[in-house]
Each structure stands twice: as C-alpha cells, then as structure tokens.
Amino acid sequence: MQRKLRRKRSLLRRTIRRWILLSGITTVCLLFTACGEQESKKAEEKTEAQEDADSEWTGLISPQDAHDMLEKKSSDEQEEPDTHKPLKKVYIGDTNVLCGVYIAEEGEYARGIGPKLSLYPNGEGDFHVHSASSYIASGGYEAAGGKLILTDEFSDEPQDIYTFEIADNKLIFLADESAEVWDYGPGTAADGMVFVYDEEQTEWYMAEDLD
C-alpha cells in the first residue's frame, strides 16, 4: 500500500511538471503575439533615448573615457561561465535505450501535444498517450526479447501493458500488443509510431534522477 502511495505521489509530481511546461509554452506563444507591436515601439523609444543620452554625454567626457566605460559595461554584462553538469547516461539493461523522456520522432504535434514515454533509472516509467488525456499509465517496465514493456500498475486486473519494439536507440509503439488507446485526435499515440530520446525534456523532468 505504501509503495502505491509513493508511486501516486511521484506520478502527481511528474504531472505537475508537465502542466507547468505546457502552460509555459502556451503563455509564451500568447505573449509573443500580443507584444509584437509593443517591442517595436520600445525599440523606437530606446533608440531615441540613446540618442538623447549620447547628446548629453557630448562635451562632458573624452572619447577615451567613453570607450573605457563601454568596455567596462561589456565586461560586467558577460555571463558567468557555464557550469551546467551534463546528464548521466543510464542504459536500460543491455540495450542502447537510455533512461529519459521519449517523444514522437516525426509529426507536427510531436513536441507539443503528442505522446510522451518517460523511463526512470529506478525501473519505473509512465506513458502519456496525448496531452488532452487526463490519465497517465504508470508502473514498472522491463526490456526483454527485443521489446520494452511498461505495466500500468494503477489499472484493473489484469493490468494494462504498453509494448514497444526496441530498434537500436529508438522505441516503436506496438498497439496490437498494448492496452487500447483512446483517440484524442492528431498526435495520439498510434501503432508503429517511433519514439526518440529527447535530452531537453529529460533534463526538465529527470535532472534530479540523472545527476
């Protein structure tokens, strides 16, 4: 019972992270559209302000002093050295499949609303067939016989499974060997869909697990 509660909490944390990411993407798109004209106006105002500032400095400092000030400002604005620690690569069994987040290889909706398969280094994973679905299959997974099988431990007995063929470092969804997937429109996980490792989303969701 405690094990299931821990997994439910883990699933809740993962779901919250996903919604934060999706909400952020939507917000950025809306802001980008709404602020286009404002950015243009700000650019004009900045140019005018710079011209005014230049005129104010004329005659007050020497060209050499102005050059030195600009050099100092440029030096101060330099970014701190990149101390980003790369994710640890953890392979599943004796396969070329890495633990991490997998998304559809192709398609207009692959990165946005498309399906995601997350494989954690502790042997647990979850499968979200479409962002419109409120349910995420979650449980243990194993790789054997050229296939990766994730068992949904929160489904009724017999528990649902989702099967993927291992093709080198890619995973191919086998709908005929998996639980039924409801159709949520374009981007829904479908038979033969190829899933590939996505480092950016892996870092977002699993940085703590793979540090």
N, C-alpha and C. Protein backbone atom coordinates (compact mmCIF):
# COMPACT_ATOMS: atom_id res chain seq x y z
N MET A 1 0.84 -1.20 0.00
CA MET A 1 0.00 0.00 0.00
C MET A 1 0.87 1.25 0.00
N GLN A 2 1.92 1.25 0.85
CA GLN A 2 2.81 2.41 0.90
C GLN A 2 3.54 2.60 -0.41
N ARG A 3 3.86 1.48 -1.07
CA ARG A 3 4.55 1.57 -2.35
C ARG A 3 3.67 2.25 -3.40
N LYS A 4 2.38 1.91 -3.40
CA LYS A 4 1.46 2.54 -4.36
C LYS A 4 1.28 4.02 -4.05
N LEU A 5 1.25 4.37 -2.76
CA LEU A 5 1.11 5.77 -2.39
C LEU A 5 2.32 6.57 -2.87
N ARG A 6 3.52 5.98 -2.71
CA ARG A 6 4.72 6.67 -3.17
C ARG A 6 4.69 6.88 -4.66
N ARG A 7 4.20 5.87 -5.38
CA ARG A 7 4.14 5.99 -6.83
C ARG A 7 3.09 7.01 -7.26
N LYS A 8 1.99 7.07 -6.52
CA LYS A 8 0.97 8.07 -6.83
C LYS A 8 1.53 9.47 -6.63
N ARG A 9 2.29 9.65 -5.53
CA ARG A 9 2.89 10.96 -5.29
C ARG A 9 3.89 11.31 -6.38
N SER A 10 4.68 10.30 -6.78
CA SER A 10 5.66 10.53 -7.84
C SER A 10 4.96 10.89 -9.14
N LEU A 11 3.86 10.20 -9.45
CA LEU A 11 3.09 10.48 -10.66
C LEU A 11 2.52 11.88 -10.61
N LEU A 12 2.04 12.30 -9.44
CA LEU A 12 1.48 13.64 -9.30
C LEU A 12 2.54 14.70 -9.56
N ARG A 13 3.75 14.49 -9.03
CA ARG A 13 4.83 15.45 -9.27
C ARG A 13 5.17 15.54 -10.75
N ARG A 14 5.20 14.40 -11.41
CA ARG A 14 5.52 14.40 -12.85
C ARG A 14 4.43 15.12 -13.64
N THR A 15 3.16 14.87 -13.27
CA THR A 15 2.05 15.52 -13.97
C THR A 15 2.11 17.03 -13.80
N ILE A 16 2.43 17.49 -12.58
CA ILE A 16 2.53 18.92 -12.32
C ILE A 16 3.62 19.54 -13.18
N ARG A 17 4.76 18.82 -13.28
CA ARG A 17 5.85 19.35 -14.12
C ARG A 17 5.43 19.48 -15.57
N ARG A 18 4.67 18.47 -16.05
CA ARG A 18 4.22 18.54 -17.44
C ARG A 18 3.31 19.73 -17.68
N TRP A 19 2.35 19.93 -16.78
CA TRP A 19 1.40 21.03 -16.96
C TRP A 19 2.10 22.37 -16.85
N ILE A 20 3.13 22.46 -16.00
CA ILE A 20 3.90 23.70 -15.91
C ILE A 20 4.57 23.99 -17.25
N LEU A 21 5.16 22.94 -17.86
CA LEU A 21 5.83 23.12 -19.13
C LEU A 21 4.86 23.52 -20.23
N LEU A 22 3.71 22.80 -20.32
CA LEU A 22 2.72 23.10 -21.35
C LEU A 22 2.14 24.49 -21.17
N SER A 23 1.86 24.87 -19.92
CA SER A 23 1.31 26.19 -19.64
C SER A 23 2.31 27.27 -20.03
N GLY A 24 3.60 27.00 -19.74
CA GLY A 24 4.63 27.96 -20.09
C GLY A 24 4.73 28.17 -21.59
N ILE A 25 4.65 27.06 -22.36
CA ILE A 25 4.72 27.16 -23.82
C ILE A 25 3.56 27.98 -24.36
N THR A 26 2.33 27.69 -23.85
CA THR A 26 1.14 28.42 -24.31
C THR A 26 1.25 29.89 -23.98
N THR A 27 1.70 30.20 -22.76
CA THR A 27 1.81 31.60 -22.34
C THR A 27 2.81 32.36 -23.18
N VAL A 28 3.96 31.72 -23.46
CA VAL A 28 4.97 32.37 -24.27
C VAL A 28 4.45 32.70 -25.66
N CYS A 29 3.71 31.75 -26.25
CA CYS A 29 3.15 31.98 -27.59
C CYS A 29 2.18 33.17 -27.59
N LEU A 30 1.32 33.22 -26.57
CA LEU A 30 0.35 34.32 -26.49
C LEU A 30 1.04 35.65 -26.28
N LEU A 31 2.03 35.66 -25.40
CA LEU A 31 2.76 36.90 -25.14
C LEU A 31 3.53 37.36 -26.36
N PHE A 32 4.09 36.41 -27.09
CA PHE A 32 4.85 36.75 -28.28
C PHE A 32 3.96 37.44 -29.31
N THR A 33 2.73 36.92 -29.48
CA THR A 33 1.81 37.51 -30.44
C THR A 33 1.33 38.88 -30.00
N ALA A 34 1.00 38.99 -28.70
CA ALA A 34 0.41 40.23 -28.20
C ALA A 34 1.43 41.35 -28.07
N CYS A 35 2.69 40.98 -27.89
CA CYS A 35 3.70 42.01 -27.59
C CYS A 35 4.53 42.42 -28.79
N GLY A 36 4.16 41.93 -29.97
CA GLY A 36 4.94 42.27 -31.16
C GLY A 36 5.05 43.76 -31.39
N GLU A 37 3.89 44.43 -31.37
CA GLU A 37 3.88 45.86 -31.60
C GLU A 37 4.56 46.62 -30.47
N GLN A 38 4.37 46.13 -29.24
CA GLN A 38 4.99 46.81 -28.10
C GLN A 38 6.51 46.76 -28.19
N GLU A 39 7.06 45.63 -28.66
CA GLU A 39 8.51 45.51 -28.79
C GLU A 39 9.03 46.51 -29.82
N SER A 40 8.27 46.68 -30.92
CA SER A 40 8.67 47.63 -31.95
C SER A 40 8.69 49.04 -31.40
N LYS A 41 7.65 49.36 -30.63
CA LYS A 41 7.56 50.69 -30.04
C LYS A 41 8.69 50.92 -29.04
N LYS A 42 9.00 49.88 -28.24
CA LYS A 42 10.08 50.01 -27.27
C LYS A 42 11.42 50.22 -27.95
N ALA A 43 11.59 49.55 -29.10
CA ALA A 43 12.85 49.70 -29.82
C ALA A 43 13.03 51.13 -30.29
N GLU A 44 11.93 51.74 -30.78
CA GLU A 44 12.00 53.12 -31.22
C GLU A 44 12.30 54.04 -30.05
N GLU A 45 11.63 53.80 -28.90
CA GLU A 45 11.86 54.64 -27.74
C GLU A 45 13.30 54.49 -27.24
N LYS A 46 13.83 53.26 -27.31
CA LYS A 46 15.20 53.03 -26.87
C LYS A 46 16.19 53.77 -27.74
N THR A 47 15.91 53.78 -29.07
CA THR A 47 16.79 54.49 -29.98
C THR A 47 16.80 55.98 -29.68
N GLU A 48 15.60 56.53 -29.46
CA GLU A 48 15.50 57.95 -29.13
C GLU A 48 16.21 58.26 -27.82
N ALA A 49 16.02 57.38 -26.81
CA ALA A 49 16.67 57.59 -25.51
C ALA A 49 18.18 57.53 -25.64
N GLN A 50 18.66 56.62 -26.49
CA GLN A 50 20.11 56.51 -26.68
C GLN A 50 20.67 57.75 -27.34
N GLU A 51 19.91 58.28 -28.32
CA GLU A 51 20.35 59.50 -28.98
C GLU A 51 20.41 60.66 -28.00
N ASP A 52 19.39 60.73 -27.12
CA ASP A 52 19.38 61.79 -26.11
C ASP A 52 20.56 61.63 -25.15
N ALA A 53 20.82 60.38 -24.76
CA ALA A 53 21.93 60.13 -23.85
C ALA A 53 23.26 60.48 -24.49
N ASP A 54 23.40 60.15 -25.77
CA ASP A 54 24.63 60.48 -26.48
C ASP A 54 24.86 61.98 -26.54
N SER A 55 23.75 62.71 -26.78
CA SER A 55 23.88 64.17 -26.86
C SER A 55 24.24 64.77 -25.51
N GLU A 56 23.74 64.15 -24.42
CA GLU A 56 24.04 64.65 -23.08
C GLU A 56 25.51 64.43 -22.72
N TRP A 57 26.08 63.30 -23.22
CA TRP A 57 27.47 63.00 -22.90
C TRP A 57 28.46 63.85 -23.72
N THR A 58 28.01 64.35 -24.85
CA THR A 58 28.91 65.10 -25.72
C THR A 58 29.50 66.30 -24.98
N GLY A 59 30.77 66.40 -24.99
CA GLY A 59 31.44 67.53 -24.34
C GLY A 59 31.68 67.33 -22.86
N LEU A 60 31.06 66.29 -22.24
CA LEU A 60 31.24 66.08 -20.81
C LEU A 60 32.39 65.14 -20.50
N ILE A 61 32.62 64.14 -21.37
CA ILE A 61 33.73 63.21 -21.18
C ILE A 61 34.50 63.07 -22.47
N SER A 62 35.71 62.63 -22.34
CA SER A 62 36.55 62.46 -23.52
C SER A 62 36.17 61.17 -24.24
N PRO A 63 36.50 61.06 -25.52
CA PRO A 63 36.22 59.81 -26.27
C PRO A 63 36.87 58.60 -25.62
N GLN A 64 38.07 58.77 -25.05
CA GLN A 64 38.76 57.65 -24.42
C GLN A 64 38.01 57.18 -23.18
N ASP A 65 37.51 58.18 -22.38
CA ASP A 65 36.74 57.82 -21.18
C ASP A 65 35.47 57.08 -21.57
N ALA A 66 34.80 57.55 -22.64
CA ALA A 66 33.58 56.90 -23.09
C ALA A 66 33.86 55.47 -23.53
N HIS A 67 34.99 55.28 -24.22
CA HIS A 67 35.38 53.93 -24.67
C HIS A 67 35.64 53.01 -23.48
N ASP A 68 36.34 53.54 -22.47
CA ASP A 68 36.64 52.74 -21.28
C ASP A 68 35.37 52.33 -20.54
N MET A 69 34.41 53.26 -20.49
CA MET A 69 33.14 52.96 -19.81
C MET A 69 32.37 51.86 -20.54
N LEU A 70 32.37 51.93 -21.86
CA LEU A 70 31.68 50.90 -22.64
C LEU A 70 32.35 49.55 -22.47
N GLU A 71 33.69 49.54 -22.43
CA GLU A 71 34.42 48.29 -22.24
C GLU A 71 34.10 47.66 -20.88
N LYS A 72 34.02 48.50 -19.86
CA LYS A 72 33.73 48.01 -18.51
C LYS A 72 32.31 47.45 -18.44
N LYS A 73 31.37 48.17 -19.08
CA LYS A 73 29.98 47.71 -19.07
C LYS A 73 29.86 46.37 -19.77
N SER A 74 30.56 46.23 -20.91
CA SER A 74 30.52 44.97 -21.65
C SER A 74 31.09 43.84 -20.82
N SER A 75 32.17 44.12 -20.08
CA SER A 75 32.79 43.10 -19.25
C SER A 75 31.87 42.69 -18.11
N ASP A 76 31.17 43.66 -17.52
CA ASP A 76 30.27 43.37 -16.41
C ASP A 76 29.07 42.55 -16.84
N GLU A 77 28.66 42.72 -18.11
CA GLU A 77 27.46 42.04 -18.59
C GLU A 77 27.74 40.64 -19.11
N GLN A 78 29.03 40.26 -19.15
CA GLN A 78 29.35 38.91 -19.61
C GLN A 78 28.74 37.87 -18.68
N GLU A 79 28.24 36.79 -19.27
CA GLU A 79 27.61 35.74 -18.48
C GLU A 79 28.64 34.97 -17.67
N GLU A 80 28.17 34.40 -16.59
CA GLU A 80 29.02 33.56 -15.77
C GLU A 80 29.41 32.31 -16.56
N PRO A 81 30.56 31.75 -16.30
CA PRO A 81 30.96 30.52 -17.01
C PRO A 81 29.91 29.42 -16.85
N ASP A 82 29.69 28.68 -17.92
CA ASP A 82 28.68 27.62 -17.91
C ASP A 82 29.17 26.45 -17.04
N THR A 83 28.50 26.29 -15.92
CA THR A 83 28.87 25.20 -15.02
C THR A 83 27.83 24.07 -15.06
N HIS A 84 27.04 24.06 -16.16
CA HIS A 84 26.00 23.05 -16.29
C HIS A 84 26.59 21.64 -16.31
N LYS A 85 26.07 20.81 -15.48
CA LYS A 85 26.55 19.43 -15.39
C LYS A 85 25.74 18.56 -16.34
N PRO A 86 26.38 17.86 -17.27
CA PRO A 86 25.64 17.02 -18.22
C PRO A 86 24.92 15.88 -17.52
N LEU A 87 23.80 15.46 -18.11
CA LEU A 87 23.03 14.36 -17.54
C LEU A 87 23.82 13.05 -17.62
N LYS A 88 23.69 12.25 -16.60
CA LYS A 88 24.32 10.94 -16.60
C LYS A 88 23.56 10.03 -17.55
N LYS A 89 24.28 9.30 -18.38
CA LYS A 89 23.65 8.38 -19.33
C LYS A 89 23.48 7.02 -18.67
N VAL A 90 22.23 6.61 -18.50
CA VAL A 90 21.92 5.33 -17.88
C VAL A 90 21.18 4.48 -18.91
N TYR A 91 21.79 3.38 -19.32
CA TYR A 91 21.17 2.50 -20.31
C TYR A 91 20.31 1.45 -19.63
N ILE A 92 19.27 1.04 -20.33
CA ILE A 92 18.34 0.05 -19.80
C ILE A 92 18.83 -1.35 -20.18
N GLY A 93 19.27 -2.10 -19.18
CA GLY A 93 19.77 -3.45 -19.43
C GLY A 93 20.94 -3.44 -20.38
N ASP A 94 20.92 -4.37 -21.34
CA ASP A 94 22.00 -4.45 -22.32
C ASP A 94 21.58 -3.84 -23.65
N THR A 95 20.60 -2.90 -23.61
CA THR A 95 20.12 -2.25 -24.82
C THR A 95 20.83 -0.92 -25.03
N ASN A 96 20.52 -0.27 -26.15
CA ASN A 96 21.03 1.07 -26.43
C ASN A 96 20.01 2.14 -26.05
N VAL A 97 18.99 1.74 -25.31
CA VAL A 97 17.93 2.67 -24.90
C VAL A 97 18.32 3.34 -23.58
N LEU A 98 18.31 4.65 -23.59
CA LEU A 98 18.66 5.42 -22.40
C LEU A 98 17.44 5.67 -21.52
N CYS A 99 17.65 5.78 -20.23
CA CYS A 99 16.60 6.26 -19.35
C CYS A 99 16.38 7.72 -19.68
N GLY A 100 15.12 8.14 -19.74
CA GLY A 100 14.83 9.53 -20.08
C GLY A 100 13.44 9.66 -20.67
N VAL A 101 13.21 10.80 -21.31
CA VAL A 101 11.91 11.10 -21.91
C VAL A 101 11.98 10.86 -23.42
N TYR A 102 10.98 10.17 -23.93
CA TYR A 102 10.89 9.86 -25.35
C TYR A 102 9.64 10.50 -25.94
N ILE A 103 9.82 11.13 -27.11
CA ILE A 103 8.69 11.76 -27.80
C ILE A 103 8.62 11.21 -29.22
N ALA A 104 7.49 11.47 -29.90
CA ALA A 104 7.33 11.01 -31.28
C ALA A 104 8.42 11.61 -32.16
N GLU A 105 9.00 10.78 -33.01
CA GLU A 105 10.11 11.22 -33.85
C GLU A 105 9.66 12.24 -34.89
N GLU A 106 8.48 12.06 -35.45
CA GLU A 106 8.01 12.93 -36.52
C GLU A 106 6.60 13.43 -36.21
N GLY A 107 6.22 14.45 -36.94
CA GLY A 107 4.84 14.95 -36.81
C GLY A 107 4.80 16.36 -36.27
N GLU A 108 3.82 17.08 -36.73
CA GLU A 108 3.66 18.48 -36.34
C GLU A 108 3.44 18.63 -34.84
N TYR A 109 2.84 17.60 -34.21
CA TYR A 109 2.47 17.71 -32.81
C TYR A 109 3.43 16.98 -31.87
N ALA A 110 4.53 16.49 -32.40
CA ALA A 110 5.43 15.64 -31.61
C ALA A 110 5.87 16.29 -30.31
N ARG A 111 6.34 17.52 -30.37
CA ARG A 111 6.90 18.16 -29.18
C ARG A 111 5.84 18.87 -28.35
N GLY A 112 4.71 19.21 -28.93
CA GLY A 112 3.70 19.96 -28.20
C GLY A 112 2.70 19.08 -27.47
N ILE A 113 1.71 18.58 -28.22
CA ILE A 113 0.62 17.82 -27.58
C ILE A 113 0.77 16.32 -27.76
N GLY A 114 1.82 15.90 -28.42
CA GLY A 114 1.99 14.48 -28.71
C GLY A 114 2.30 13.64 -27.49
N PRO A 115 2.40 12.32 -27.67
CA PRO A 115 2.63 11.39 -26.55
C PRO A 115 4.04 11.48 -26.00
N LYS A 116 4.18 11.06 -24.74
CA LYS A 116 5.49 11.05 -24.09
C LYS A 116 5.64 9.76 -23.29
N LEU A 117 6.79 9.16 -23.40
CA LEU A 117 7.14 7.98 -22.62
C LEU A 117 8.33 8.33 -21.74
N SER A 118 8.17 8.18 -20.44
CA SER A 118 9.25 8.51 -19.50
C SER A 118 9.73 7.24 -18.83
N LEU A 119 11.04 7.01 -18.90
CA LEU A 119 11.65 5.81 -18.32
C LEU A 119 12.68 6.24 -17.29
N TYR A 120 12.38 6.00 -16.02
CA TYR A 120 13.25 6.43 -14.93
C TYR A 120 14.28 5.35 -14.60
N PRO A 121 15.44 5.76 -14.09
CA PRO A 121 16.51 4.79 -13.80
C PRO A 121 16.18 3.82 -12.67
N ASN A 122 15.12 4.08 -11.90
CA ASN A 122 14.74 3.16 -10.82
C ASN A 122 13.83 2.03 -11.30
N GLY A 123 13.64 1.95 -12.63
CA GLY A 123 12.82 0.87 -13.18
C GLY A 123 11.35 1.20 -13.29
N GLU A 124 10.97 2.44 -13.00
CA GLU A 124 9.58 2.86 -13.14
C GLU A 124 9.46 3.80 -14.33
N GLY A 125 8.26 3.87 -14.88
CA GLY A 125 8.03 4.74 -16.03
C GLY A 125 6.58 5.13 -16.13
N ASP A 126 6.29 6.04 -17.06
CA ASP A 126 4.91 6.40 -17.33
C ASP A 126 4.74 6.73 -18.80
N PHE A 127 3.51 6.55 -19.27
CA PHE A 127 3.18 6.73 -20.68
C PHE A 127 1.95 7.61 -20.79
N HIS A 128 2.12 8.77 -21.43
CA HIS A 128 1.03 9.72 -21.63
C HIS A 128 0.72 9.72 -23.12
N VAL A 129 -0.45 9.18 -23.51
CA VAL A 129 -0.74 8.96 -24.93
C VAL A 129 -1.05 10.24 -25.68
N HIS A 130 -1.44 11.31 -24.96
CA HIS A 130 -1.77 12.60 -25.58
C HIS A 130 -1.95 13.61 -24.46
N SER A 131 -1.59 14.85 -24.72
CA SER A 131 -1.69 15.87 -23.67
C SER A 131 -3.14 16.14 -23.26
N ALA A 132 -4.10 15.79 -24.15
CA ALA A 132 -5.51 16.00 -23.82
C ALA A 132 -6.04 14.94 -22.87
N SER A 133 -5.30 13.86 -22.70
CA SER A 133 -5.72 12.78 -21.80
C SER A 133 -5.36 13.14 -20.36
N SER A 134 -6.30 12.94 -19.46
CA SER A 134 -6.05 13.23 -18.05
C SER A 134 -5.41 12.04 -17.34
N TYR A 135 -5.27 10.93 -18.04
CA TYR A 135 -4.74 9.72 -17.42
C TYR A 135 -3.33 9.42 -17.93
N ILE A 136 -2.46 9.05 -17.02
CA ILE A 136 -1.09 8.67 -17.38
C ILE A 136 -0.84 7.27 -16.83
N ALA A 137 -0.57 6.33 -17.73
CA ALA A 137 -0.25 4.97 -17.31
C ALA A 137 1.10 4.98 -16.60
N SER A 138 1.16 4.36 -15.43
CA SER A 138 2.39 4.41 -14.64
C SER A 138 2.66 3.09 -13.97
N GLY A 139 3.94 2.71 -13.95
CA GLY A 139 4.32 1.46 -13.29
C GLY A 139 5.72 1.05 -13.67
N GLY A 140 6.06 -0.19 -13.42
CA GLY A 140 7.38 -0.69 -13.74
C GLY A 140 7.50 -1.06 -15.21
N TYR A 141 8.74 -1.10 -15.70
CA TYR A 141 8.98 -1.52 -17.08
C TYR A 141 10.17 -2.47 -17.10
N GLU A 142 10.22 -3.25 -18.17
CA GLU A 142 11.34 -4.17 -18.35
C GLU A 142 11.63 -4.34 -19.83
N ALA A 143 12.88 -4.62 -20.13
CA ALA A 143 13.31 -4.84 -21.51
C ALA A 143 13.76 -6.28 -21.66
N ALA A 144 13.12 -6.98 -22.59
CA ALA A 144 13.47 -8.39 -22.82
C ALA A 144 12.97 -8.80 -24.20
N GLY A 145 13.74 -9.66 -24.86
CA GLY A 145 13.33 -10.18 -26.15
C GLY A 145 13.14 -9.12 -27.21
N GLY A 146 13.94 -8.06 -27.14
CA GLY A 146 13.84 -7.01 -28.16
C GLY A 146 12.65 -6.08 -27.97
N LYS A 147 12.00 -6.17 -26.82
CA LYS A 147 10.85 -5.30 -26.56
C LYS A 147 10.96 -4.68 -25.18
N LEU A 148 10.34 -3.53 -25.03
CA LEU A 148 10.23 -2.87 -23.74
C LEU A 148 8.74 -2.83 -23.37
N ILE A 149 8.41 -3.33 -22.19
CA ILE A 149 7.01 -3.42 -21.76
C ILE A 149 6.82 -2.65 -20.47
N LEU A 150 5.89 -1.71 -20.51
CA LEU A 150 5.53 -0.93 -19.32
C LEU A 150 4.18 -1.41 -18.80
N THR A 151 4.12 -1.73 -17.51
CA THR A 151 2.89 -2.23 -16.89
C THR A 151 2.22 -1.11 -16.10
N ASP A 152 0.95 -0.86 -16.41
CA ASP A 152 0.21 0.17 -15.69
C ASP A 152 -0.31 -0.41 -14.39
N GLU A 153 0.37 -0.14 -13.30
CA GLU A 153 0.03 -0.75 -12.02
C GLU A 153 -1.22 -0.15 -11.38
N PHE A 154 -1.76 0.90 -11.96
CA PHE A 154 -2.97 1.51 -11.42
C PHE A 154 -4.22 1.09 -12.19
N SER A 155 -4.05 0.20 -13.17
CA SER A 155 -5.19 -0.30 -13.93
C SER A 155 -5.78 -1.53 -13.24
N ASP A 156 -6.98 -1.92 -13.67
CA ASP A 156 -7.65 -3.09 -13.09
C ASP A 156 -6.96 -4.37 -13.54
N GLU A 157 -7.19 -5.42 -12.77
CA GLU A 157 -6.64 -6.73 -13.14
C GLU A 157 -7.43 -7.32 -14.31
N PRO A 158 -6.78 -7.96 -15.29
CA PRO A 158 -5.33 -7.98 -15.46
C PRO A 158 -4.81 -6.60 -15.86
N GLN A 159 -3.67 -6.24 -15.34
CA GLN A 159 -3.17 -4.89 -15.55
C GLN A 159 -2.81 -4.62 -17.01
N ASP A 160 -3.07 -3.39 -17.43
CA ASP A 160 -2.76 -2.99 -18.81
C ASP A 160 -1.25 -2.93 -19.03
N ILE A 161 -0.84 -3.26 -20.24
CA ILE A 161 0.57 -3.13 -20.60
C ILE A 161 0.68 -2.32 -21.89
N TYR A 162 1.84 -1.72 -22.09
CA TYR A 162 2.14 -0.96 -23.30
C TYR A 162 3.49 -1.44 -23.81
N THR A 163 3.48 -1.92 -25.05
CA THR A 163 4.65 -2.60 -25.59
C THR A 163 5.32 -1.78 -26.69
N PHE A 164 6.65 -1.75 -26.64
CA PHE A 164 7.45 -1.01 -27.62
C PHE A 164 8.54 -1.93 -28.15
N GLU A 165 8.70 -1.95 -29.44
CA GLU A 165 9.81 -2.70 -30.05
C GLU A 165 11.08 -1.86 -29.94
N ILE A 166 12.17 -2.49 -29.53
CA ILE A 166 13.44 -1.79 -29.41
C ILE A 166 14.17 -1.86 -30.75
N ALA A 167 14.39 -0.69 -31.35
CA ALA A 167 15.10 -0.59 -32.63
C ALA A 167 16.34 0.27 -32.41
N ASP A 168 17.43 -0.35 -32.01
CA ASP A 168 18.66 0.33 -31.64
C ASP A 168 18.37 1.26 -30.45
N ASN A 169 18.42 2.58 -30.66
CA ASN A 169 18.16 3.50 -29.55
C ASN A 169 16.78 4.15 -29.65
N LYS A 170 15.91 3.57 -30.48
CA LYS A 170 14.56 4.08 -30.65
C LYS A 170 13.54 3.05 -30.17
N LEU A 171 12.32 3.51 -29.93
CA LEU A 171 11.24 2.64 -29.48
C LEU A 171 10.04 2.79 -30.41
N ILE A 172 9.50 1.67 -30.85
CA ILE A 172 8.36 1.68 -31.77
C ILE A 172 7.14 1.14 -31.05
N PHE A 173 6.08 1.93 -30.98
CA PHE A 173 4.87 1.53 -30.26
C PHE A 173 4.13 0.43 -31.00
N LEU A 174 3.81 -0.66 -30.27
CA LEU A 174 3.07 -1.80 -30.84
C LEU A 174 1.67 -1.80 -30.24
N ALA A 175 0.73 -1.19 -30.96
CA ALA A 175 -0.63 -1.05 -30.45
C ALA A 175 -1.33 -2.40 -30.29
N ASP A 176 -1.03 -3.34 -31.20
CA ASP A 176 -1.69 -4.64 -31.14
C ASP A 176 -1.28 -5.45 -29.90
N GLU A 177 -0.15 -5.09 -29.31
CA GLU A 177 0.32 -5.80 -28.12
C GLU A 177 0.19 -4.93 -26.87
N SER A 178 -0.65 -3.92 -26.96
CA SER A 178 -0.80 -2.97 -25.85
C SER A 178 -2.27 -2.77 -25.52
N ALA A 179 -2.51 -2.15 -24.37
CA ALA A 179 -3.88 -1.81 -23.99
C ALA A 179 -4.46 -0.82 -25.00
N GLU A 180 -5.78 -0.78 -25.08
CA GLU A 180 -6.44 0.13 -26.03
C GLU A 180 -6.11 1.58 -25.71
N VAL A 181 -5.85 2.35 -26.76
CA VAL A 181 -5.55 3.77 -26.61
C VAL A 181 -6.68 4.57 -27.24
N TRP A 182 -7.31 5.41 -26.47
CA TRP A 182 -8.35 6.27 -27.00
C TRP A 182 -7.76 7.28 -27.97
N ASP A 183 -8.55 7.61 -28.98
CA ASP A 183 -8.10 8.56 -29.99
C ASP A 183 -8.45 9.97 -29.55
N TYR A 184 -7.43 10.79 -29.29
CA TYR A 184 -7.64 12.18 -28.90
C TYR A 184 -7.37 13.14 -30.05
N GLY A 185 -7.34 12.61 -31.26
CA GLY A 185 -7.09 13.46 -32.42
C GLY A 185 -5.63 13.42 -32.82
N PRO A 186 -5.22 14.37 -33.68
CA PRO A 186 -3.83 14.41 -34.15
C PRO A 186 -2.84 14.39 -32.99
N GLY A 187 -1.82 13.56 -33.13
CA GLY A 187 -0.80 13.49 -32.09
C GLY A 187 -0.98 12.34 -31.13
N THR A 188 -2.11 11.61 -31.21
CA THR A 188 -2.34 10.48 -30.31
C THR A 188 -1.38 9.34 -30.64
N ALA A 189 -0.91 8.65 -29.61
CA ALA A 189 -0.03 7.50 -29.82
C ALA A 189 -0.72 6.48 -30.72
N ALA A 190 -0.02 6.04 -31.75
CA ALA A 190 -0.61 5.12 -32.72
C ALA A 190 0.37 4.00 -33.04
N ASP A 191 -0.16 2.91 -33.59
CA ASP A 191 0.66 1.76 -33.92
C ASP A 191 1.78 2.15 -34.89
N GLY A 192 2.99 1.71 -34.59
CA GLY A 192 4.12 2.00 -35.47
C GLY A 192 4.77 3.35 -35.22
N MET A 193 4.24 4.14 -34.29
CA MET A 193 4.83 5.45 -34.01
C MET A 193 6.21 5.26 -33.39
N VAL A 194 7.19 5.99 -33.91
CA VAL A 194 8.56 5.87 -33.45
C VAL A 194 8.83 6.93 -32.38
N PHE A 195 9.40 6.49 -31.26
CA PHE A 195 9.73 7.39 -30.16
C PHE A 195 11.25 7.53 -30.06
N VAL A 196 11.71 8.77 -29.87
CA VAL A 196 13.14 9.03 -29.76
C VAL A 196 13.43 9.78 -28.47
N TYR A 197 14.65 9.60 -27.99
CA TYR A 197 15.11 10.25 -26.75
C TYR A 197 15.19 11.75 -26.95
N ASP A 198 14.65 12.51 -25.99
CA ASP A 198 14.68 13.96 -26.04
C ASP A 198 15.46 14.49 -24.83
N GLU A 199 16.66 14.99 -25.08
CA GLU A 199 17.54 15.41 -23.99
C GLU A 199 16.99 16.61 -23.22
N GLU A 200 16.37 17.55 -23.95
CA GLU A 200 15.86 18.76 -23.30
C GLU A 200 14.78 18.43 -22.28
N GLN A 201 13.81 17.59 -22.69
CA GLN A 201 12.73 17.24 -21.76
C GLN A 201 13.22 16.28 -20.68
N THR A 202 14.20 15.46 -21.01
CA THR A 202 14.78 14.59 -19.99
C THR A 202 15.41 15.43 -18.88
N GLU A 203 16.11 16.49 -19.28
CA GLU A 203 16.72 17.37 -18.28
C GLU A 203 15.65 18.07 -17.45
N TRP A 204 14.55 18.45 -18.09
CA TRP A 204 13.48 19.14 -17.37
C TRP A 204 12.82 18.24 -16.33
N TYR A 205 12.52 17.00 -16.72
CA TYR A 205 11.77 16.10 -15.85
C TYR A 205 12.63 15.23 -14.95
N MET A 206 13.87 14.95 -15.37
CA MET A 206 14.65 13.94 -14.67
C MET A 206 16.03 14.40 -14.20
N ALA A 207 16.25 15.70 -14.12
CA ALA A 207 17.57 16.18 -13.71
C ALA A 207 17.98 15.62 -12.37
N GLU A 208 17.04 15.53 -11.44
CA GLU A 208 17.36 15.02 -10.10
C GLU A 208 17.63 13.52 -10.13
N ASP A 209 16.99 12.81 -11.05
CA ASP A 209 17.16 11.36 -11.13
C ASP A 209 18.45 10.96 -11.84
N LEU A 210 18.96 11.85 -12.70
CA LEU A 210 20.12 11.50 -13.52
C LEU A 210 21.32 12.40 -13.24
N ASP A 211 21.36 13.04 -12.07
CA ASP A 211 22.51 13.90 -11.78
C ASP A 211 23.68 13.08 -11.24
